[in-house]
Amino acid sequence: MDGKTIWSVASAIIVSLGGAGVIISAVLGFTFRFVVNRMEKNYQQRQSKELEKYRYLLENHRYITKSQYDREFEIYRLLSKHFFMLLVVLYTFTSEYIDCKIPGTSTELDEKTAEFQHLAKVLTDAQSVLYENAPFIPQNIFTQYVDIYWKSNELFWVYNNRIKDWSLGKIGRDDLVTEEEQSKFSEIEKEAEALTIELRNYLSSLAVAE
């Protein structure tokens, strides 16, 4: 039984009461309007909250198709894999000989040269994955990857020259990596950590459109 039906039945009863019904009708009429207005107000408030919640979701989520999400996820999985490997190899090269102040041997030079060649391959692979997928990466995230790449590339060329000087006998093993390079690598690590956090936030903002 809805509100109109209830009010019709109540009106019929009031008419049967005669003059007293006029007073009752006035009171009931006021009460009915009060209840209706209260219900409308509550409904509007509830509707406003739902609309605000929906607006927040729209503003804070980027809706994409399942195929788009899978493609983006695969891109960032590859980027994370290659740049993580780059950091691992850079860390090994940068930290291995710090505080090791003993004469190097020709065998050690050969080993370090092989390690450097591996660094060259890892750096090239990271560059390829980054620029092959450049059109599909948001500008702010792409810029951070590029910054990490070029700072790593800068260390690469420093080590390239040091390896040459070591092979020519111009420097010793203890001069291959200095505290300056170690400090630069620490900066790269911090940038990589910040990028990882931003990437997580970005991926969590994606919503697959059903």
C-alpha atoms as a PDB file:
ATOM      1  CA  MET A   1       0.000   0.000   0.000  1.00  0.00           C
ATOM      2  CA  ASP A   2       1.610   3.292  -1.129  1.00  0.00           C
ATOM      3  CA  GLY A   3       1.339   6.787   0.309  1.00  0.00           C
ATOM      4  CA  LYS A   4      -1.543   7.830  -1.971  1.00  0.00           C
ATOM      5  CA  THR A   5      -3.664   4.802  -1.035  1.00  0.00           C
ATOM      6  CA  ILE A   6      -3.053   5.369   2.657  1.00  0.00           C
ATOM      7  CA  TRP A   7      -4.038   9.049   2.315  1.00  0.00           C
ATOM      8  CA  SER A   8      -7.261   8.102   0.404  1.00  0.00           C
ATOM      9  CA  VAL A   9      -8.363   5.695   3.131  1.00  0.00           C
ATOM     10  CA  ALA A  10      -7.528   8.258   5.840  1.00  0.00           C
ATOM     11  CA  SER A  11      -9.549  10.936   3.983  1.00  0.00           C
ATOM     12  CA  ALA A  12     -12.606   8.691   3.818  1.00  0.00           C
ATOM     13  CA  ILE A  13     -12.430   8.120   7.570  1.00  0.00           C
ATOM     14  CA  ILE A  14     -12.050  11.849   8.235  1.00  0.00           C
ATOM     15  CA  VAL A  15     -15.093  12.747   6.116  1.00  0.00           C
ATOM     16  CA  SER A  16     -17.198  10.319   8.169  1.00  0.00           C
ATOM     17  CA  LEU A  17     -16.172  12.167  11.341  1.00  0.00           C
ATOM     18  CA  GLY A  18     -17.741  15.453  10.262  1.00  0.00           C
ATOM     19  CA  GLY A  19     -16.463  18.753  11.774  1.00  0.00           C
ATOM     20  CA  ALA A  20     -13.864  17.084  13.959  1.00  0.00           C
ATOM     21  CA  GLY A  21     -12.459  15.638  10.791  1.00  0.00           C
ATOM     22  CA  VAL A  22     -11.432  19.096   9.598  1.00  0.00           C
ATOM     23  CA  ILE A  23      -8.995  19.473  12.486  1.00  0.00           C
ATOM     24  CA  ILE A  24      -7.713  15.939  12.092  1.00  0.00           C
ATOM     25  CA  SER A  25      -7.349  16.507   8.349  1.00  0.00           C
ATOM     26  CA  ALA A  26      -5.262  19.627   8.910  1.00  0.00           C
ATOM     27  CA  VAL A  27      -2.995  17.843  11.354  1.00  0.00           C
ATOM     28  CA  LEU A  28      -2.619  14.770   9.173  1.00  0.00           C
ATOM     29  CA  GLY A  29      -2.064  16.928   6.101  1.00  0.00           C
ATOM     30  CA  PHE A  30       0.781  18.777   7.816  1.00  0.00           C
ATOM     31  CA  THR A  31       2.262  15.518   9.114  1.00  0.00           C
ATOM     32  CA  PHE A  32       2.027  13.853   5.694  1.00  0.00           C
ATOM     33  CA  ARG A  33       3.732  16.788   3.962  1.00  0.00           C
ATOM     34  CA  PHE A  34       6.415  16.835   6.648  1.00  0.00           C
ATOM     35  CA  VAL A  35       7.125  13.128   6.215  1.00  0.00           C
ATOM     36  CA  VAL A  36       7.171  13.411   2.422  1.00  0.00           C
ATOM     37  CA  ASN A  37       9.510  16.409   2.521  1.00  0.00           C
ATOM     38  CA  ARG A  38      11.769  14.601   4.975  1.00  0.00           C
ATOM     39  CA  MET A  39      11.875  11.527   2.750  1.00  0.00           C
ATOM     40  CA  GLU A  40      12.638  13.629  -0.325  1.00  0.00           C
ATOM     41  CA  LYS A  41      15.436  15.424   1.488  1.00  0.00           C
ATOM     42  CA  ASN A  42      16.970  12.153   2.686  1.00  0.00           C
ATOM     43  CA  TYR A  43      16.725  10.735  -0.836  1.00  0.00           C
ATOM     44  CA  GLN A  44      18.412  13.788  -2.333  1.00  0.00           C
ATOM     45  CA  GLN A  45      21.223  13.608   0.220  1.00  0.00           C
ATOM     46  CA  ARG A  46      21.722   9.908  -0.464  1.00  0.00           C
ATOM     47  CA  GLN A  47      21.667  10.540  -4.206  1.00  0.00           C
ATOM     48  CA  SER A  48      24.198  13.364  -3.860  1.00  0.00           C
ATOM     49  CA  LYS A  49      26.544  11.080  -1.931  1.00  0.00           C
ATOM     50  CA  GLU A  50      26.262   8.389  -4.615  1.00  0.00           C
ATOM     51  CA  LEU A  51      26.925  10.919  -7.372  1.00  0.00           C
ATOM     52  CA  GLU A  52      29.932  12.286  -5.493  1.00  0.00           C
ATOM     53  CA  LYS A  53      31.290   8.782  -5.024  1.00  0.00           C
ATOM     54  CA  TYR A  54      30.810   8.063  -8.727  1.00  0.00           C
ATOM     55  CA  ARG A  55      32.479  11.356  -9.699  1.00  0.00           C
ATOM     56  CA  TYR A  56      35.462  10.512  -7.482  1.00  0.00           C
ATOM     57  CA  LEU A  57      35.845   7.126  -9.181  1.00  0.00           C
ATOM     58  CA  LEU A  58      35.726   8.728 -12.621  1.00  0.00           C
ATOM     59  CA  GLU A  59      38.298  11.369 -11.712  1.00  0.00           C
ATOM     60  CA  ASN A  60      40.708   8.974 -10.019  1.00  0.00           C
ATOM     61  CA  HIS A  61      40.517   6.017 -12.387  1.00  0.00           C
ATOM     62  CA  ARG A  62      41.371   5.653 -16.020  1.00  0.00           C
ATOM     63  CA  TYR A  63      39.003   3.224 -17.719  1.00  0.00           C
ATOM     64  CA  ILE A  64      40.558   1.028 -20.411  1.00  0.00           C
ATOM     65  CA  THR A  65      39.711  -2.225 -22.154  1.00  0.00           C
ATOM     66  CA  LYS A  66      41.029  -5.587 -20.988  1.00  0.00           C
ATOM     67  CA  SER A  67      43.356  -5.828 -23.995  1.00  0.00           C
ATOM     68  CA  GLN A  68      44.760  -2.349 -23.296  1.00  0.00           C
ATOM     69  CA  TYR A  69      45.355  -3.240 -19.659  1.00  0.00           C
ATOM     70  CA  ASP A  70      47.115  -6.487 -20.598  1.00  0.00           C
ATOM     71  CA  ARG A  71      49.302  -4.625 -23.080  1.00  0.00           C
ATOM     72  CA  GLU A  72      50.294  -1.925 -20.569  1.00  0.00           C
ATOM     73  CA  PHE A  73      50.927  -4.491 -17.856  1.00  0.00           C
ATOM     74  CA  GLU A  74      53.243  -6.440 -20.169  1.00  0.00           C
ATOM     75  CA  ILE A  75      55.138  -3.254 -21.093  1.00  0.00           C
ATOM     76  CA  TYR A  76      55.802  -2.377 -17.453  1.00  0.00           C
ATOM     77  CA  ARG A  77      56.680  -5.962 -16.631  1.00  0.00           C
ATOM     78  CA  LEU A  78      59.370  -5.895 -19.330  1.00  0.00           C
ATOM     79  CA  LEU A  79      60.625  -2.465 -18.282  1.00  0.00           C
ATOM     80  CA  SER A  80      60.832  -3.526 -14.637  1.00  0.00           C
ATOM     81  CA  LYS A  81      62.694  -6.692 -15.567  1.00  0.00           C
ATOM     82  CA  HIS A  82      65.312  -4.983 -17.767  1.00  0.00           C
ATOM     83  CA  PHE A  83      65.878  -1.959 -15.560  1.00  0.00           C
ATOM     84  CA  PHE A  84      66.136  -4.158 -12.469  1.00  0.00           C
ATOM     85  CA  MET A  85      68.820  -6.205 -14.236  1.00  0.00           C
ATOM     86  CA  LEU A  86      70.577  -2.966 -15.202  1.00  0.00           C
ATOM     87  CA  LEU A  87      70.652  -1.858 -11.553  1.00  0.00           C
ATOM     88  CA  VAL A  88      71.938  -5.257 -10.427  1.00  0.00           C
ATOM     89  CA  VAL A  89      74.830  -5.230 -12.923  1.00  0.00           C
ATOM     90  CA  LEU A  90      75.661  -1.594 -12.174  1.00  0.00           C
ATOM     91  CA  TYR A  91      75.631  -2.310  -8.451  1.00  0.00           C
ATOM     92  CA  THR A  92      77.981  -5.282  -8.885  1.00  0.00           C
ATOM     93  CA  PHE A  93      80.389  -3.296 -11.015  1.00  0.00           C
ATOM     94  CA  THR A  94      80.261  -0.207  -8.802  1.00  0.00           C
ATOM     95  CA  SER A  95      80.560  -1.802  -5.368  1.00  0.00           C
ATOM     96  CA  GLU A  96      82.816  -4.806  -5.967  1.00  0.00           C
ATOM     97  CA  TYR A  97      86.191  -3.039  -5.767  1.00  0.00           C
ATOM     98  CA  ILE A  98      85.396  -0.297  -3.303  1.00  0.00           C
ATOM     99  CA  ASP A  99      87.775  -0.541  -0.328  1.00  0.00           C
ATOM    100  CA  CYS A 100      89.805  -3.315  -2.039  1.00  0.00           C
ATOM    101  CA  LYS A 101      93.205  -1.662  -2.258  1.00  0.00           C
ATOM    102  CA  ILE A 102      95.359  -4.534  -3.535  1.00  0.00           C
ATOM    103  CA  PRO A 103      97.178  -4.822  -6.859  1.00  0.00           C
ATOM    104  CA  GLY A 104      95.075  -6.127  -9.744  1.00  0.00           C
ATOM    105  CA  THR A 105      96.159  -8.970 -12.016  1.00  0.00           C
ATOM    106  CA  SER A 106      95.707  -9.491 -15.748  1.00  0.00           C
ATOM    107  CA  THR A 107      93.148 -12.194 -14.972  1.00  0.00           C
ATOM    108  CA  GLU A 108      91.121  -9.764 -12.894  1.00  0.00           C
ATOM    109  CA  LEU A 109      91.275  -7.262 -15.747  1.00  0.00           C
ATOM    110  CA  ASP A 110      89.895  -9.892 -18.129  1.00  0.00           C
ATOM    111  CA  GLU A 111      87.085 -10.728 -15.688  1.00  0.00           C
ATOM    112  CA  LYS A 112      86.215  -7.090 -15.177  1.00  0.00           C
ATOM    113  CA  THR A 113      86.274  -6.494 -18.931  1.00  0.00           C
ATOM    114  CA  ALA A 114      83.820  -9.383 -19.417  1.00  0.00           C
ATOM    115  CA  GLU A 115      81.614  -7.915 -16.684  1.00  0.00           C
ATOM    116  CA  PHE A 116      81.741  -4.556 -18.428  1.00  0.00           C
ATOM    117  CA  GLN A 117      80.692  -6.156 -21.728  1.00  0.00           C
ATOM    118  CA  HIS A 118      77.722  -7.703 -19.920  1.00  0.00           C
ATOM    119  CA  LEU A 119      76.839  -4.244 -18.608  1.00  0.00           C
ATOM    120  CA  ALA A 120      76.905  -2.941 -22.189  1.00  0.00           C
ATOM    121  CA  LYS A 121      74.416  -5.618 -23.288  1.00  0.00           C
ATOM    122  CA  VAL A 122      72.078  -5.034 -20.330  1.00  0.00           C
ATOM    123  CA  LEU A 123      72.136  -1.282 -20.931  1.00  0.00           C
ATOM    124  CA  THR A 124      71.352  -1.754 -24.619  1.00  0.00           C
ATOM    125  CA  ASP A 125      68.477  -4.128 -23.840  1.00  0.00           C
ATOM    126  CA  ALA A 126      66.963  -1.642 -21.362  1.00  0.00           C
ATOM    127  CA  GLN A 127      67.237   1.149 -23.938  1.00  0.00           C
ATOM    128  CA  SER A 128      65.558  -0.971 -26.618  1.00  0.00           C
ATOM    129  CA  VAL A 129      62.596  -1.950 -24.430  1.00  0.00           C
ATOM    130  CA  LEU A 130      62.121   1.643 -23.277  1.00  0.00           C
ATOM    131  CA  TYR A 131      62.147   3.328 -26.694  1.00  0.00           C
ATOM    132  CA  GLU A 132      60.243   0.558 -28.487  1.00  0.00           C
ATOM    133  CA  ASN A 133      57.347   1.151 -26.098  1.00  0.00           C
ATOM    134  CA  ALA A 134      57.706   4.926 -25.778  1.00  0.00           C
ATOM    135  CA  PRO A 135      54.366   5.740 -27.505  1.00  0.00           C
ATOM    136  CA  PHE A 136      52.451   3.662 -24.950  1.00  0.00           C
ATOM    137  CA  ILE A 137      54.027   5.059 -21.772  1.00  0.00           C
ATOM    138  CA  PRO A 138      52.629   8.167 -19.963  1.00  0.00           C
ATOM    139  CA  GLN A 139      55.018  11.109 -20.313  1.00  0.00           C
ATOM    140  CA  ASN A 140      55.862  11.480 -16.613  1.00  0.00           C
ATOM    141  CA  ILE A 141      56.748   7.796 -16.245  1.00  0.00           C
ATOM    142  CA  PHE A 142      58.665   7.733 -19.541  1.00  0.00           C
ATOM    143  CA  THR A 143      60.698  10.782 -18.467  1.00  0.00           C
ATOM    144  CA  GLN A 144      61.742   9.074 -15.236  1.00  0.00           C
ATOM    145  CA  TYR A 145      62.824   5.929 -17.074  1.00  0.00           C
ATOM    146  CA  VAL A 146      64.822   8.043 -19.531  1.00  0.00           C
ATOM    147  CA  ASP A 147      66.536   9.867 -16.660  1.00  0.00           C
ATOM    148  CA  ILE A 148      67.554   6.577 -15.032  1.00  0.00           C
ATOM    149  CA  TYR A 149      68.786   5.259 -18.365  1.00  0.00           C
ATOM    150  CA  TRP A 150      70.971   8.294 -19.173  1.00  0.00           C
ATOM    151  CA  LYS A 151      72.501   8.421 -15.703  1.00  0.00           C
ATOM    152  CA  SER A 152      73.330   4.727 -16.015  1.00  0.00           C
ATOM    153  CA  ASN A 153      74.724   5.392 -19.483  1.00  0.00           C
ATOM    154  CA  GLU A 154      76.923   8.143 -18.057  1.00  0.00           C
ATOM    155  CA  LEU A 155      78.424   5.689 -15.544  1.00  0.00           C
ATOM    156  CA  PHE A 156      78.900   3.179 -18.360  1.00  0.00           C
ATOM    157  CA  TRP A 157      81.141   5.537 -20.309  1.00  0.00           C
ATOM    158  CA  VAL A 158      83.117   6.456 -17.199  1.00  0.00           C
ATOM    159  CA  TYR A 159      83.794   2.748 -16.638  1.00  0.00           C
ATOM    160  CA  ASN A 160      84.588   2.284 -20.322  1.00  0.00           C
ATOM    161  CA  ASN A 161      87.404   4.845 -20.098  1.00  0.00           C
ATOM    162  CA  ARG A 162      88.652   3.439 -16.799  1.00  0.00           C
ATOM    163  CA  ILE A 163      88.843  -0.112 -18.219  1.00  0.00           C
ATOM    164  CA  LYS A 164      90.925   1.226 -21.112  1.00  0.00           C
ATOM    165  CA  ASP A 165      93.243   3.123 -18.764  1.00  0.00           C
ATOM    166  CA  TRP A 166      93.617   0.023 -16.559  1.00  0.00           C
ATOM    167  CA  SER A 167      94.499  -2.134 -19.558  1.00  0.00           C
ATOM    168  CA  LEU A 168      97.147   0.426 -20.587  1.00  0.00           C
ATOM    169  CA  GLY A 169      98.582   0.589 -17.087  1.00  0.00           C
ATOM    170  CA  LYS A 170      97.588   4.219 -16.565  1.00  0.00           C
ATOM    171  CA  ILE A 171      95.561   3.418 -13.452  1.00  0.00           C
ATOM    172  CA  GLY A 172      95.364   0.565 -10.964  1.00  0.00           C
ATOM    173  CA  ARG A 173      92.399  -1.533  -9.978  1.00  0.00           C
ATOM    174  CA  ASP A 174      91.674   0.662  -6.962  1.00  0.00           C
ATOM    175  CA  ASP A 175      91.088   3.586  -9.365  1.00  0.00           C
ATOM    176  CA  LEU A 176      88.506   1.762 -11.466  1.00  0.00           C
ATOM    177  CA  VAL A 177      85.573   2.894  -9.314  1.00  0.00           C
ATOM    178  CA  THR A 178      85.654   5.909  -7.020  1.00  0.00           C
ATOM    179  CA  GLU A 179      83.315   7.169  -4.313  1.00  0.00           C
ATOM    180  CA  GLU A 180      81.920   9.638  -6.842  1.00  0.00           C
ATOM    181  CA  GLU A 181      80.563   6.811  -9.005  1.00  0.00           C
ATOM    182  CA  GLN A 182      79.238   5.061  -5.915  1.00  0.00           C
ATOM    183  CA  SER A 183      77.367   8.246  -4.954  1.00  0.00           C
ATOM    184  CA  LYS A 184      75.923   8.579  -8.458  1.00  0.00           C
ATOM    185  CA  PHE A 185      74.709   4.995  -8.347  1.00  0.00           C
ATOM    186  CA  SER A 186      72.965   5.666  -5.019  1.00  0.00           C
ATOM    187  CA  GLU A 187      71.066   8.514  -6.714  1.00  0.00           C
ATOM    188  CA  ILE A 188      70.003   6.156  -9.494  1.00  0.00           C
ATOM    189  CA  GLU A 189      68.777   3.643  -6.909  1.00  0.00           C
ATOM    190  CA  LYS A 190      66.652   6.287  -5.177  1.00  0.00           C
ATOM    191  CA  GLU A 191      65.127   7.401  -8.472  1.00  0.00           C
ATOM    192  CA  ALA A 192      64.339   3.788  -9.342  1.00  0.00           C
ATOM    193  CA  GLU A 193      62.592   3.296  -5.979  1.00  0.00           C
ATOM    194  CA  ALA A 194      60.516   6.457  -6.494  1.00  0.00           C
ATOM    195  CA  LEU A 195      59.598   5.333 -10.009  1.00  0.00           C
ATOM    196  CA  THR A 196      58.467   1.939  -8.704  1.00  0.00           C
ATOM    197  CA  ILE A 197      56.089   3.630  -6.251  1.00  0.00           C
ATOM    198  CA  GLU A 198      54.678   5.922  -8.944  1.00  0.00           C
ATOM    199  CA  LEU A 199      54.259   2.980 -11.308  1.00  0.00           C
ATOM    200  CA  ARG A 200      52.316   1.036  -8.679  1.00  0.00           C
ATOM    201  CA  ASN A 201      50.028   4.021  -8.109  1.00  0.00           C
ATOM    202  CA  TYR A 202      49.493   4.423 -11.840  1.00  0.00           C
ATOM    203  CA  LEU A 203      48.611   0.760 -12.380  1.00  0.00           C
ATOM    204  CA  SER A 204      46.242   0.792  -9.401  1.00  0.00           C
ATOM    205  CA  SER A 205      44.443   3.779 -10.980  1.00  0.00           C
ATOM    206  CA  LEU A 206      43.582   1.748 -14.082  1.00  0.00           C
ATOM    207  CA  ALA A 207      40.134   0.173 -14.205  1.00  0.00           C
ATOM    208  CA  VAL A 208      39.036  -2.339 -16.800  1.00  0.00           C
ATOM    209  CA  ALA A 209      35.811  -1.288 -18.510  1.00  0.00           C
ATOM    210  CA  GLU A 210      33.290  -4.115 -18.507  1.00  0.00           C
END
